[in-house]
PDB file of N, CA and C in Angstrom:
ATOM      1  N   MET A   1      -8.392  43.006  16.871  1.00  0.00           N
ATOM      2  CA  MET A   1      -8.831  43.042  18.593  1.00  0.00           C
ATOM      3  C   MET A   1      -8.357  44.266  18.854  1.00  0.00           C
ATOM      4  N   ASN A   2      -9.163  44.697  19.809  1.00  0.00           N
ATOM      5  CA  ASN A   2      -8.792  45.854  20.483  1.00  0.00           C
ATOM      6  C   ASN A   2      -8.879  45.793  22.094  1.00  0.00           C
ATOM      7  N   LEU A   3      -8.064  46.213  22.903  1.00  0.00           N
ATOM      8  CA  LEU A   3      -8.247  46.172  24.345  1.00  0.00           C
ATOM      9  C   LEU A   3      -9.247  47.152  24.747  1.00  0.00           C
ATOM     10  N   ASN A   4     -10.385  46.736  25.304  1.00  0.00           N
ATOM     11  CA  ASN A   4     -11.388  47.387  25.667  1.00  0.00           C
ATOM     12  C   ASN A   4     -11.471  47.882  27.150  1.00  0.00           C
ATOM     13  N   GLN A   5     -11.274  47.157  27.937  1.00  0.00           N
ATOM     14  CA  GLN A   5     -11.257  47.432  29.467  1.00  0.00           C
ATOM     15  C   GLN A   5     -10.497  46.438  30.432  1.00  0.00           C
ATOM     16  N   VAL A   6      -9.996  47.008  31.565  1.00  0.00           N
ATOM     17  CA  VAL A   6      -9.375  46.432  32.470  1.00  0.00           C
ATOM     18  C   VAL A   6     -10.227  46.415  33.765  1.00  0.00           C
ATOM     19  N   THR A   7     -10.353  45.635  34.418  1.00  0.00           N
ATOM     20  CA  THR A   7     -10.943  45.395  35.717  1.00  0.00           C
ATOM     21  C   THR A   7      -9.960  44.909  36.869  1.00  0.00           C
ATOM     22  N   VAL A   8      -9.980  45.821  37.873  1.00  0.00           N
ATOM     23  CA  VAL A   8      -9.297  45.680  39.049  1.00  0.00           C
ATOM     24  C   VAL A   8     -10.209  45.329  40.375  1.00  0.00           C
ATOM     25  N   PRO A   9      -9.650  44.440  41.156  1.00  0.00           N
ATOM     26  CA  PRO A   9     -10.448  44.206  42.533  1.00  0.00           C
ATOM     27  C   PRO A   9     -10.263  45.428  43.794  1.00  0.00           C
ATOM     28  N   SER A  10     -11.378  45.380  44.388  1.00  0.00           N
ATOM     29  CA  SER A  10     -11.377  46.250  45.292  1.00  0.00           C
ATOM     30  C   SER A  10     -12.184  45.796  46.538  1.00  0.00           C
ATOM     31  N   LEU A  11     -11.970  45.961  47.817  1.00  0.00           N
ATOM     32  CA  LEU A  11     -12.412  45.490  48.926  1.00  0.00           C
ATOM     33  C   LEU A  11     -13.603  46.612  49.366  1.00  0.00           C
ATOM     34  N   ASP A  12     -13.847  47.902  48.851  1.00  0.00           N
ATOM     35  CA  ASP A  12     -14.682  48.788  49.163  1.00  0.00           C
ATOM     36  C   ASP A  12     -14.703  49.838  48.071  1.00  0.00           C
ATOM     37  N   LEU A  13     -15.705  49.703  47.262  1.00  0.00           N
ATOM     38  CA  LEU A  13     -15.874  50.629  46.153  1.00  0.00           C
ATOM     39  C   LEU A  13     -16.308  51.964  46.565  1.00  0.00           C
ATOM     40  N   THR A  14     -16.881  52.109  47.686  1.00  0.00           N
ATOM     41  CA  THR A  14     -17.211  53.627  48.174  1.00  0.00           C
ATOM     42  C   THR A  14     -15.947  54.295  48.405  1.00  0.00           C
ATOM     43  N   LYS A  15     -15.006  53.719  48.626  1.00  0.00           N
ATOM     44  CA  LYS A  15     -13.643  54.472  48.857  1.00  0.00           C
ATOM     45  C   LYS A  15     -12.773  54.546  47.360  1.00  0.00           C
ATOM     46  N   SER A  16     -12.955  53.350  46.748  1.00  0.00           N
ATOM     47  CA  SER A  16     -12.129  53.384  45.511  1.00  0.00           C
ATOM     48  C   SER A  16     -12.636  54.355  44.385  1.00  0.00           C
ATOM     49  N   ILE A  17     -14.060  54.646  44.363  1.00  0.00           N
ATOM     50  CA  ILE A  17     -14.744  55.478  43.336  1.00  0.00           C
ATOM     51  C   ILE A  17     -14.092  56.806  43.491  1.00  0.00           C
ATOM     52  N   PRO A  18     -14.078  57.418  44.629  1.00  0.00           N
ATOM     53  CA  PRO A  18     -13.517  58.825  44.765  1.00  0.00           C
ATOM     54  C   PRO A  18     -12.088  58.841  44.294  1.00  0.00           C
ATOM     55  N   PHE A  19     -11.231  57.795  44.629  1.00  0.00           N
ATOM     56  CA  PHE A  19      -9.849  57.897  44.284  1.00  0.00           C
ATOM     57  C   PHE A  19      -9.724  57.851  42.746  1.00  0.00           C
ATOM     58  N   TYR A  20     -10.388  57.048  42.102  1.00  0.00           N
ATOM     59  CA  TYR A  20     -10.179  57.084  40.443  1.00  0.00           C
ATOM     60  C   TYR A  20     -10.826  58.256  40.102  1.00  0.00           C
ATOM     61  N   GLU A  21     -11.960  58.944  40.571  1.00  0.00           N
ATOM     62  CA  GLU A  21     -12.260  60.233  40.011  1.00  0.00           C
ATOM     63  C   GLU A  21     -11.186  61.303  40.246  1.00  0.00           C
ATOM     64  N   LYS A  22     -10.552  61.177  41.371  1.00  0.00           N
ATOM     65  CA  LYS A  22      -9.596  62.229  41.743  1.00  0.00           C
ATOM     66  C   LYS A  22      -8.461  62.054  40.612  1.00  0.00           C
ATOM     67  N   LEU A  23      -8.193  60.832  40.099  1.00  0.00           N
ATOM     68  CA  LEU A  23      -7.155  60.451  39.086  1.00  0.00           C
ATOM     69  C   LEU A  23      -7.621  61.180  37.736  1.00  0.00           C
ATOM     70  N   GLY A  24      -8.790  61.251  37.699  1.00  0.00           N
ATOM     71  CA  GLY A  24      -9.368  61.992  36.415  1.00  0.00           C
ATOM     72  C   GLY A  24     -10.111  61.062  35.583  1.00  0.00           C
ATOM     73  N   LEU A  25     -10.587  59.792  35.887  1.00  0.00           N
ATOM     74  CA  LEU A  25     -11.471  59.098  35.338  1.00  0.00           C
ATOM     75  C   LEU A  25     -12.843  59.451  35.524  1.00  0.00           C
ATOM     76  N   HIS A  26     -13.686  59.233  34.573  1.00  0.00           N
ATOM     77  CA  HIS A  26     -15.207  59.776  34.682  1.00  0.00           C
ATOM     78  C   HIS A  26     -16.084  58.333  34.762  1.00  0.00           C
ATOM     79  N   LEU A  27     -16.635  58.441  36.108  1.00  0.00           N
ATOM     80  CA  LEU A  27     -17.618  57.515  36.510  1.00  0.00           C
ATOM     81  C   LEU A  27     -18.953  57.313  35.429  1.00  0.00           C
ATOM     82  N   ILE A  28     -19.099  56.089  34.982  1.00  0.00           N
ATOM     83  CA  ILE A  28     -20.330  55.965  34.118  1.00  0.00           C
ATOM     84  C   ILE A  28     -21.130  55.027  34.412  1.00  0.00           C
ATOM     85  N   VAL A  29     -20.775  53.959  35.366  1.00  0.00           N
ATOM     86  CA  VAL A  29     -21.524  52.888  36.026  1.00  0.00           C
ATOM     87  C   VAL A  29     -21.339  52.900  37.354  1.00  0.00           C
ATOM     88  N   LYS A  30     -22.478  52.977  38.172  1.00  0.00           N
ATOM     89  CA  LYS A  30     -22.129  52.774  39.705  1.00  0.00           C
ATOM     90  C   LYS A  30     -23.053  51.735  40.086  1.00  0.00           C
ATOM     91  N   ALA A  31     -22.734  50.384  40.236  1.00  0.00           N
ATOM     92  CA  ALA A  31     -23.579  49.276  40.635  1.00  0.00           C
ATOM     93  C   ALA A  31     -23.101  48.952  41.924  1.00  0.00           C
ATOM     94  N   LEU A  32     -23.365  49.688  42.921  1.00  0.00           N
ATOM     95  CA  LEU A  32     -22.938  49.540  44.438  1.00  0.00           C
ATOM     96  C   LEU A  32     -23.416  48.485  44.923  1.00  0.00           C
ATOM     97  N   PRO A  33     -23.013  47.338  45.874  1.00  0.00           N
ATOM     98  CA  PRO A  33     -21.556  47.609  46.138  1.00  0.00           C
ATOM     99  C   PRO A  33     -20.686  46.831  45.379  1.00  0.00           C
ATOM    100  N   HIS A  34     -21.022  46.291  44.045  1.00  0.00           N
ATOM    101  CA  HIS A  34     -20.236  45.259  43.583  1.00  0.00           C
ATOM    102  C   HIS A  34     -19.457  45.852  42.329  1.00  0.00           C
ATOM    103  N   TYR A  35     -19.831  46.821  41.800  1.00  0.00           N
ATOM    104  CA  TYR A  35     -19.070  47.214  40.400  1.00  0.00           C
ATOM    105  C   TYR A  35     -19.189  48.788  40.091  1.00  0.00           C
ATOM    106  N   ALA A  36     -18.125  49.160  39.479  1.00  0.00           N
ATOM    107  CA  ALA A  36     -18.220  50.528  38.982  1.00  0.00           C
ATOM    108  C   ALA A  36     -17.214  50.515  37.780  1.00  0.00           C
ATOM    109  N   ARG A  37     -17.829  51.303  36.760  1.00  0.00           N
ATOM    110  CA  ARG A  37     -16.905  51.670  35.540  1.00  0.00           C
ATOM    111  C   ARG A  37     -16.573  53.012  35.078  1.00  0.00           C
ATOM    112  N   PHE A  38     -15.643  53.177  34.551  1.00  0.00           N
ATOM    113  CA  PHE A  38     -15.250  54.527  34.462  1.00  0.00           C
ATOM    114  C   PHE A  38     -14.776  54.700  32.887  1.00  0.00           C
ATOM    115  N   GLU A  39     -14.864  55.786  32.331  1.00  0.00           N
ATOM    116  CA  GLU A  39     -14.153  56.202  31.060  1.00  0.00           C
ATOM    117  C   GLU A  39     -12.885  56.819  31.248  1.00  0.00           C
ATOM    118  N   CYS A  40     -12.127  56.761  30.327  1.00  0.00           N
ATOM    119  CA  CYS A  40     -10.901  57.389  30.368  1.00  0.00           C
ATOM    120  C   CYS A  40     -11.071  58.769  29.610  1.00  0.00           C
ATOM    121  N   PRO A  41     -10.310  59.705  30.165  1.00  0.00           N
ATOM    122  CA  PRO A  41     -10.522  61.019  29.468  1.00  0.00           C
ATOM    123  C   PRO A  41     -10.192  61.244  27.933  1.00  0.00           C
ATOM    124  N   GLU A  42      -9.363  60.250  27.591  1.00  0.00           N
ATOM    125  CA  GLU A  42      -9.055  60.209  26.156  1.00  0.00           C
ATOM    126  C   GLU A  42      -9.183  58.678  25.563  1.00  0.00           C
ATOM    127  N   GLY A  43      -9.597  58.526  24.433  1.00  0.00           N
ATOM    128  CA  GLY A  43      -9.487  57.478  23.819  1.00  0.00           C
ATOM    129  C   GLY A  43     -10.996  56.587  24.025  1.00  0.00           C
ATOM    130  N   ASP A  44     -10.997  55.477  23.760  1.00  0.00           N
ATOM    131  CA  ASP A  44     -12.487  54.527  24.030  1.00  0.00           C
ATOM    132  C   ASP A  44     -12.270  53.591  24.986  1.00  0.00           C
ATOM    133  N   ALA A  45     -11.193  53.347  25.993  1.00  0.00           N
ATOM    134  CA  ALA A  45     -11.048  52.516  26.733  1.00  0.00           C
ATOM    135  C   ALA A  45     -11.868  52.688  28.094  1.00  0.00           C
ATOM    136  N   THR A  46     -12.254  51.705  28.720  1.00  0.00           N
ATOM    137  CA  THR A  46     -12.895  51.930  30.084  1.00  0.00           C
ATOM    138  C   THR A  46     -12.104  51.152  31.064  1.00  0.00           C
ATOM    139  N   PHE A  47     -12.288  51.528  32.245  1.00  0.00           N
ATOM    140  CA  PHE A  47     -11.653  50.911  33.611  1.00  0.00           C
ATOM    141  C   PHE A  47     -12.641  50.667  34.323  1.00  0.00           C
ATOM    142  N   SER A  48     -12.679  49.415  35.183  1.00  0.00           N
ATOM    143  CA  SER A  48     -13.717  49.225  36.062  1.00  0.00           C
ATOM    144  C   SER A  48     -13.025  48.570  37.320  1.00  0.00           C
ATOM    145  N   ILE A  49     -13.712  48.620  38.383  1.00  0.00           N
ATOM    146  CA  ILE A  49     -13.355  47.910  39.898  1.00  0.00           C
ATOM    147  C   ILE A  49     -14.564  47.250  40.048  1.00  0.00           C
ATOM    148  N   HIS A  50     -14.242  45.884  40.759  1.00  0.00           N
ATOM    149  CA  HIS A  50     -15.344  45.069  41.098  1.00  0.00           C
ATOM    150  C   HIS A  50     -14.991  44.710  42.731  1.00  0.00           C
ATOM    151  N   GLN A  51     -16.086  44.523  43.636  1.00  0.00           N
ATOM    152  CA  GLN A  51     -15.900  44.139  44.790  1.00  0.00           C
ATOM    153  C   GLN A  51     -15.464  42.642  44.921  1.00  0.00           C
ATOM    154  N   VAL A  52     -14.382  42.480  45.782  1.00  0.00           N
ATOM    155  CA  VAL A  52     -13.939  41.075  46.279  1.00  0.00           C
ATOM    156  C   VAL A  52     -13.890  41.086  47.776  1.00  0.00           C
ATOM    157  N   GLU A  53     -14.055  39.629  48.295  1.00  0.00           N
ATOM    158  CA  GLU A  53     -13.972  39.562  49.782  1.00  0.00           C
ATOM    159  C   GLU A  53     -12.552  39.747  50.132  1.00  0.00           C
ATOM    160  N   LYS A  54     -11.682  39.011  49.260  1.00  0.00           N
ATOM    161  CA  LYS A  54     -10.377  39.060  49.660  1.00  0.00           C
ATOM    162  C   LYS A  54      -9.473  39.665  48.386  1.00  0.00           C
ATOM    163  N   LEU A  55      -8.519  40.335  48.783  1.00  0.00           N
ATOM    164  CA  LEU A  55      -7.425  40.703  47.692  1.00  0.00           C
ATOM    165  C   LEU A  55      -6.562  39.722  47.206  1.00  0.00           C
ATOM    166  N   PRO A  56      -6.203  39.466  45.936  1.00  0.00           N
ATOM    167  CA  PRO A  56      -5.313  38.336  45.529  1.00  0.00           C
ATOM    168  C   PRO A  56      -3.983  38.591  46.042  1.00  0.00           C
ATOM    169  N   GLN A  57      -3.379  37.575  46.304  1.00  0.00           N
ATOM    170  CA  GLN A  57      -1.982  37.500  46.838  1.00  0.00           C
ATOM    171  C   GLN A  57      -1.085  37.769  45.851  1.00  0.00           C
ATOM    172  N   GLY A  58       0.326  38.239  46.237  1.00  0.00           N
ATOM    173  CA  GLY A  58       1.416  38.409  45.221  1.00  0.00           C
ATOM    174  C   GLY A  58       1.538  39.851  44.371  1.00  0.00           C
ATOM    175  N   GLU A  59       2.257  39.748  43.471  1.00  0.00           N
ATOM    176  CA  GLU A  59       2.320  41.099  42.664  1.00  0.00           C
ATOM    177  C   GLU A  59       1.165  41.550  41.946  1.00  0.00           C
ATOM    178  N   GLY A  60       0.173  40.674  41.503  1.00  0.00           N
ATOM    179  CA  GLY A  60      -0.961  41.225  40.939  1.00  0.00           C
ATOM    180  C   GLY A  60      -0.738  41.662  39.566  1.00  0.00           C
ATOM    181  N   ILE A  61      -1.555  42.709  39.190  1.00  0.00           N
ATOM    182  CA  ILE A  61      -1.401  43.260  37.873  1.00  0.00           C
ATOM    183  C   ILE A  61      -0.863  44.811  37.862  1.00  0.00           C
ATOM    184  N   SER A  62      -0.455  45.160  36.738  1.00  0.00           N
ATOM    185  CA  SER A  62      -0.053  46.521  36.640  1.00  0.00           C
ATOM    186  C   SER A  62      -0.922  47.235  35.523  1.00  0.00           C
ATOM    187  N   VAL A  63      -1.517  48.326  35.920  1.00  0.00           N
ATOM    188  CA  VAL A  63      -2.303  49.033  34.792  1.00  0.00           C
ATOM    189  C   VAL A  63      -1.654  50.599  34.679  1.00  0.00           C
ATOM    190  N   TYR A  64      -1.442  50.866  33.363  1.00  0.00           N
ATOM    191  CA  TYR A  64      -0.825  51.759  32.672  1.00  0.00           C
ATOM    192  C   TYR A  64      -1.817  52.732  32.224  1.00  0.00           C
ATOM    193  N   PHE A  65      -1.702  54.150  32.566  1.00  0.00           N
ATOM    194  CA  PHE A  65      -2.440  54.997  31.975  1.00  0.00           C
ATOM    195  C   PHE A  65      -1.487  56.068  31.335  1.00  0.00           C
ATOM    196  N   GLU A  66      -1.659  56.360  30.104  1.00  0.00           N
ATOM    197  CA  GLU A  66      -0.734  57.211  29.366  1.00  0.00           C
ATOM    198  C   GLU A  66      -1.295  58.588  29.269  1.00  0.00           C
ATOM    199  N   MET A  67      -0.453  59.692  29.602  1.00  0.00           N
ATOM    200  CA  MET A  67      -0.876  61.081  29.236  1.00  0.00           C
ATOM    201  C   MET A  67       0.451  61.822  28.609  1.00  0.00           C
ATOM    202  N   GLU A  68       0.035  62.909  27.916  1.00  0.00           N
ATOM    203  CA  GLU A  68       1.050  63.743  27.194  1.00  0.00           C
ATOM    204  C   GLU A  68       1.926  64.440  28.333  1.00  0.00           C
ATOM    205  N   LYS A  69       1.412  65.172  29.047  1.00  0.00           N
ATOM    206  CA  LYS A  69       1.989  65.899  30.099  1.00  0.00           C
ATOM    207  C   LYS A  69       2.009  65.336  31.350  1.00  0.00           C
ATOM    208  N   LEU A  70       2.768  64.200  31.517  1.00  0.00           N
ATOM    209  CA  LEU A  70       3.016  63.511  32.811  1.00  0.00           C
ATOM    210  C   LEU A  70       3.365  64.267  33.929  1.00  0.00           C
ATOM    211  N   ASP A  71       4.417  65.228  33.903  1.00  0.00           N
ATOM    212  CA  ASP A  71       5.005  65.861  35.115  1.00  0.00           C
ATOM    213  C   ASP A  71       3.942  66.755  35.633  1.00  0.00           C
ATOM    214  N   GLU A  72       3.343  67.449  34.751  1.00  0.00           N
ATOM    215  CA  GLU A  72       2.057  68.384  35.142  1.00  0.00           C
ATOM    216  C   GLU A  72       0.983  67.784  35.849  1.00  0.00           C
ATOM    217  N   TYR A  73       0.663  66.536  35.189  1.00  0.00           N
ATOM    218  CA  TYR A  73      -0.510  65.818  35.748  1.00  0.00           C
ATOM    219  C   TYR A  73      -0.181  65.293  37.051  1.00  0.00           C
ATOM    220  N   VAL A  74       0.822  64.894  37.209  1.00  0.00           N
ATOM    221  CA  VAL A  74       1.538  64.035  38.582  1.00  0.00           C
ATOM    222  C   VAL A  74       1.535  65.356  39.432  1.00  0.00           C
ATOM    223  N   ALA A  75       1.915  66.478  39.383  1.00  0.00           N
ATOM    224  CA  ALA A  75       1.980  67.598  40.082  1.00  0.00           C
ATOM    225  C   ALA A  75       0.592  67.895  40.591  1.00  0.00           C
ATOM    226  N   GLU A  76      -0.442  67.881  39.673  1.00  0.00           N
ATOM    227  CA  GLU A  76      -1.888  68.320  39.828  1.00  0.00           C
ATOM    228  C   GLU A  76      -2.332  67.214  41.139  1.00  0.00           C
ATOM    229  N   LEU A  77      -2.049  65.978  40.762  1.00  0.00           N
ATOM    230  CA  LEU A  77      -2.437  64.845  41.685  1.00  0.00           C
ATOM    231  C   LEU A  77      -1.769  64.929  43.022  1.00  0.00           C
ATOM    232  N   VAL A  78      -0.589  65.392  43.096  1.00  0.00           N
ATOM    233  CA  VAL A  78       0.030  65.481  44.499  1.00  0.00           C
ATOM    234  C   VAL A  78      -0.688  66.675  45.123  1.00  0.00           C
ATOM    235  N   ALA A  79      -0.852  67.693  44.541  1.00  0.00           N
ATOM    236  CA  ALA A  79      -1.549  68.698  45.197  1.00  0.00           C
ATOM    237  C   ALA A  79      -3.129  68.483  45.632  1.00  0.00           C
ATOM    238  N   LYS A  80      -3.583  67.196  45.063  1.00  0.00           N
ATOM    239  CA  LYS A  80      -4.975  66.688  45.465  1.00  0.00           C
ATOM    240  C   LYS A  80      -4.576  65.853  46.601  1.00  0.00           C
ATOM    241  N   GLY A  81      -3.590  65.536  47.048  1.00  0.00           N
ATOM    242  CA  GLY A  81      -3.269  64.489  48.069  1.00  0.00           C
ATOM    243  C   GLY A  81      -3.038  63.231  47.793  1.00  0.00           C
ATOM    244  N   ILE A  82      -2.865  62.826  46.314  1.00  0.00           N
ATOM    245  CA  ILE A  82      -2.546  61.558  45.942  1.00  0.00           C
ATOM    246  C   ILE A  82      -0.991  61.322  46.145  1.00  0.00           C
ATOM    247  N   LEU A  83      -0.561  60.210  46.913  1.00  0.00           N
ATOM    248  CA  LEU A  83       0.760  59.772  47.120  1.00  0.00           C
ATOM    249  C   LEU A  83       1.302  58.871  46.020  1.00  0.00           C
ATOM    250  N   PHE A  84       2.483  59.143  45.761  1.00  0.00           N
ATOM    251  CA  PHE A  84       3.063  58.362  44.887  1.00  0.00           C
ATOM    252  C   PHE A  84       4.261  57.503  45.412  1.00  0.00           C
ATOM    253  N   ASP A  85       4.585  56.499  44.919  1.00  0.00           N
ATOM    254  CA  ASP A  85       5.738  55.598  45.344  1.00  0.00           C
ATOM    255  C   ASP A  85       7.063  55.824  44.616  1.00  0.00           C
ATOM    256  N   GLU A  86       6.794  56.301  43.440  1.00  0.00           N
ATOM    257  CA  GLU A  86       7.751  56.933  42.553  1.00  0.00           C
ATOM    258  C   GLU A  86       7.394  58.108  41.575  1.00  0.00           C
ATOM    259  N   MET A  87       8.126  59.061  41.676  1.00  0.00           N
ATOM    260  CA  MET A  87       7.732  60.359  41.045  1.00  0.00           C
ATOM    261  C   MET A  87       8.175  60.158  39.443  1.00  0.00           C
ATOM    262  N   PRO A  88       7.768  60.811  38.656  1.00  0.00           N
ATOM    263  CA  PRO A  88       8.250  60.675  37.108  1.00  0.00           C
ATOM    264  C   PRO A  88       9.765  60.780  37.019  1.00  0.00           C
ATOM    265  N   SER A  89      10.128  59.701  36.413  1.00  0.00           N
ATOM    266  CA  SER A  89      11.595  59.548  35.965  1.00  0.00           C
ATOM    267  C   SER A  89      11.710  58.743  34.605  1.00  0.00           C
ATOM    268  N   ASP A  90      12.816  59.000  34.040  1.00  0.00           N
ATOM    269  CA  ASP A  90      13.098  58.318  32.424  1.00  0.00           C
ATOM    270  C   ASP A  90      13.541  57.149  32.788  1.00  0.00           C
ATOM    271  N   ARG A  91      12.862  56.083  32.087  1.00  0.00           N
ATOM    272  CA  ARG A  91      13.171  54.727  32.213  1.00  0.00           C
ATOM    273  C   ARG A  91      14.143  54.063  30.932  1.00  0.00           C
ATOM    274  N   SER A  92      14.752  53.113  31.196  1.00  0.00           N
ATOM    275  CA  SER A  92      15.519  52.565  30.233  1.00  0.00           C
ATOM    276  C   SER A  92      14.916  51.996  28.892  1.00  0.00           C
ATOM    277  N   TRP A  93      13.607  51.818  28.987  1.00  0.00           N
ATOM    278  CA  TRP A  93      12.767  51.397  27.901  1.00  0.00           C
ATOM    279  C   TRP A  93      12.105  52.633  27.145  1.00  0.00           C
ATOM    280  N   LEU A  94      12.665  53.806  27.563  1.00  0.00           N
ATOM    281  CA  LEU A  94      12.380  55.114  26.766  1.00  0.00           C
ATOM    282  C   LEU A  94      11.108  55.539  26.912  1.00  0.00           C
ATOM    283  N   TRP A  95      10.511  55.338  28.162  1.00  0.00           N
ATOM    284  CA  TRP A  95       9.167  55.935  28.640  1.00  0.00           C
ATOM    285  C   TRP A  95       9.515  56.761  30.024  1.00  0.00           C
ATOM    286  N   ARG A  96       8.652  57.702  30.174  1.00  0.00           N
ATOM    287  CA  ARG A  96       8.788  58.584  31.482  1.00  0.00           C
ATOM    288  C   ARG A  96       7.619  57.859  32.155  1.00  0.00           C
ATOM    289  N   GLU A  97       7.873  57.486  33.587  1.00  0.00           N
ATOM    290  CA  GLU A  97       6.819  57.065  34.498  1.00  0.00           C
ATOM    291  C   GLU A  97       6.905  57.474  35.843  1.00  0.00           C
ATOM    292  N   ALA A  98       5.568  57.435  36.408  1.00  0.00           N
ATOM    293  CA  ALA A  98       5.432  57.527  37.760  1.00  0.00           C
ATOM    294  C   ALA A  98       4.566  56.349  38.213  1.00  0.00           C
ATOM    295  N   ARG A  99       4.912  55.928  39.349  1.00  0.00           N
ATOM    296  CA  ARG A  99       4.137  54.781  40.106  1.00  0.00           C
ATOM    297  C   ARG A  99       3.469  55.119  41.474  1.00  0.00           C
ATOM    298  N   LEU A 100       2.264  54.420  41.665  1.00  0.00           N
ATOM    299  CA  LEU A 100       1.492  54.575  42.847  1.00  0.00           C
ATOM    300  C   LEU A 100       0.728  53.324  42.937  1.00  0.00           C
ATOM    301  N   LYS A 101       0.088  53.410  44.167  1.00  0.00           N
ATOM    302  CA  LYS A 101      -0.780  52.291  44.224  1.00  0.00           C
ATOM    303  C   LYS A 101      -2.317  52.759  44.631  1.00  0.00           C
ATOM    304  N   ASP A 102      -3.255  52.068  44.082  1.00  0.00           N
ATOM    305  CA  ASP A 102      -4.520  52.640  44.723  1.00  0.00           C
ATOM    306  C   ASP A 102      -4.930  52.002  46.079  1.00  0.00           C
ATOM    307  N   LEU A 103      -6.029  52.408  46.501  1.00  0.00           N
ATOM    308  CA  LEU A 103      -6.218  51.945  47.953  1.00  0.00           C
ATOM    309  C   LEU A 103      -6.384  50.547  48.458  1.00  0.00           C
ATOM    310  N   ASP A 104      -6.489  49.695  47.221  1.00  0.00           N
ATOM    311  CA  ASP A 104      -6.404  48.168  47.342  1.00  0.00           C
ATOM    312  C   ASP A 104      -5.158  47.652  47.190  1.00  0.00           C
ATOM    313  N   GLY A 105      -4.055  48.407  46.982  1.00  0.00           N
ATOM    314  CA  GLY A 105      -2.766  47.869  46.581  1.00  0.00           C
ATOM    315  C   GLY A 105      -2.492  47.673  45.124  1.00  0.00           C
ATOM    316  N   ASN A 106      -3.546  47.988  44.201  1.00  0.00           N
ATOM    317  CA  ASN A 106      -3.321  47.538  42.891  1.00  0.00           C
ATOM    318  C   ASN A 106      -2.181  48.570  42.193  1.00  0.00           C
ATOM    319  N   GLN A 107      -1.293  47.996  41.418  1.00  0.00           N
ATOM    320  CA  GLN A 107      -0.290  48.869  40.959  1.00  0.00           C
ATOM    321  C   GLN A 107      -0.687  49.718  39.646  1.00  0.00           C
ATOM    322  N   LEU A 108      -0.555  50.952  39.844  1.00  0.00           N
ATOM    323  CA  LEU A 108      -0.848  51.979  38.828  1.00  0.00           C
ATOM    324  C   LEU A 108       0.386  52.513  38.206  1.00  0.00           C
ATOM    325  N   ILE A 109       0.522  52.765  36.976  1.00  0.00           N
ATOM    326  CA  ILE A 109       1.634  53.372  36.372  1.00  0.00           C
ATOM    327  C   ILE A 109       1.160  54.327  35.478  1.00  0.00           C
ATOM    328  N   LEU A 110       1.358  55.814  35.663  1.00  0.00           N
ATOM    329  CA  LEU A 110       1.044  56.848  34.825  1.00  0.00           C
ATOM    330  C   LEU A 110       2.423  57.046  34.096  1.00  0.00           C
ATOM    331  N   PHE A 111       2.364  57.259  32.692  1.00  0.00           N
ATOM    332  CA  PHE A 111       3.426  57.336  31.929  1.00  0.00           C
ATOM    333  C   PHE A 111       3.277  58.132  30.497  1.00  0.00           C
ATOM    334  N   HIS A 112       4.286  58.322  29.993  1.00  0.00           N
ATOM    335  CA  HIS A 112       4.218  58.948  28.575  1.00  0.00           C
ATOM    336  C   HIS A 112       5.354  58.101  27.918  1.00  0.00           C
ATOM    337  N   GLY A 113       4.947  57.401  26.858  1.00  0.00           N
ATOM    338  CA  GLY A 113       5.738  56.623  26.023  1.00  0.00           C
ATOM    339  C   GLY A 113       6.012  57.014  24.561  1.00  0.00           C
ATOM    340  N   GLY A 114       5.170  58.071  24.248  1.00  0.00           N
ATOM    341  CA  GLY A 114       5.083  58.511  22.869  1.00  0.00           C
ATOM    342  C   GLY A 114       5.094  57.426  21.900  1.00  0.00           C
ATOM    343  N   ASP A 115       5.809  57.693  20.724  1.00  0.00           N
ATOM    344  CA  ASP A 115       5.985  56.709  19.813  1.00  0.00           C
ATOM    345  C   ASP A 115       6.726  55.605  20.311  1.00  0.00           C
ATOM    346  N   ASN A 116       7.581  55.669  21.333  1.00  0.00           N
ATOM    347  CA  ASN A 116       8.255  54.372  21.765  1.00  0.00           C
ATOM    348  C   ASN A 116       7.399  53.339  22.395  1.00  0.00           C
ATOM    349  N   ARG A 117       6.121  53.730  22.717  1.00  0.00           N
ATOM    350  CA  ARG A 117       5.245  52.724  23.254  1.00  0.00           C
ATOM    351  C   ARG A 117       5.064  51.511  22.384  1.00  0.00           C
ATOM    352  N   LYS A 118       4.832  51.776  21.079  1.00  0.00           N
ATOM    353  CA  LYS A 118       4.391  50.743  20.131  1.00  0.00           C
ATOM    354  C   LYS A 118       5.678  50.671  19.146  1.00  0.00           C
ATOM    355  N   ASN A 119       6.648  51.656  19.258  1.00  0.00           N
ATOM    356  CA  ASN A 119       7.682  51.502  18.195  1.00  0.00           C
ATOM    357  C   ASN A 119       8.930  51.822  18.686  1.00  0.00           C
ATOM    358  N   PRO A 120       9.326  51.000  19.780  1.00  0.00           N
ATOM    359  CA  PRO A 120      10.721  51.219  20.318  1.00  0.00           C
ATOM    360  C   PRO A 120      11.869  50.776  19.350  1.00  0.00           C
ATOM    361  N   PRO A 121      13.036  51.258  19.290  1.00  0.00           N
ATOM    362  CA  PRO A 121      14.177  50.877  18.485  1.00  0.00           C
ATOM    363  C   PRO A 121      14.141  49.324  18.446  1.00  0.00           C
ATOM    364  N   TRP A 122      13.920  48.511  19.336  1.00  0.00           N
ATOM    365  CA  TRP A 122      13.961  47.130  19.373  1.00  0.00           C
ATOM    366  C   TRP A 122      12.813  46.373  18.991  1.00  0.00           C
ATOM    367  N   ARG A 123      11.727  47.231  18.468  1.00  0.00           N
ATOM    368  CA  ARG A 123      10.642  46.484  18.055  1.00  0.00           C
ATOM    369  C   ARG A 123      10.995  45.343  16.837  1.00  0.00           C
ATOM    370  N   ILE A 124      10.062  44.287  16.988  1.00  0.00           N
ATOM    371  CA  ILE A 124      10.160  43.187  15.847  1.00  0.00           C
ATOM    372  C   ILE A 124       9.453  43.620  14.681  1.00  0.00           C
ATOM    373  N   ASN A 125      10.098  43.470  13.639  1.00  0.00           N
ATOM    374  CA  ASN A 125       9.368  43.835  12.335  1.00  0.00           C
ATOM    375  C   ASN A 125       8.756  42.635  11.649  1.00  0.00           C
TER     376      ASN A 125
END
């Protein structure tokens, strides 16, 4: 099994699409007003947004995007006007993370986990 795609809700794709393009995702499907799909710059995974009339309540989901040079990437996004809730910092689970929300309040985590993403010291063998 391989995780292929994650889809998050959006109230207005015409606003969400430019936001995700600014993050560095490449738009490959634009079926307005209901759906858009992006390729990630690395790997085979895709990410999509779909129109909803009402956003879900509660904490919702968190979407993690990994990159090697997290701090440099975040600095580039800040220069483009992207606002972060938390700037890059080292976490107790041995990842470095920065957190932000998209225009619909979906939680996005940009991170670098390296080998610890799949092989932390506490991994079950």
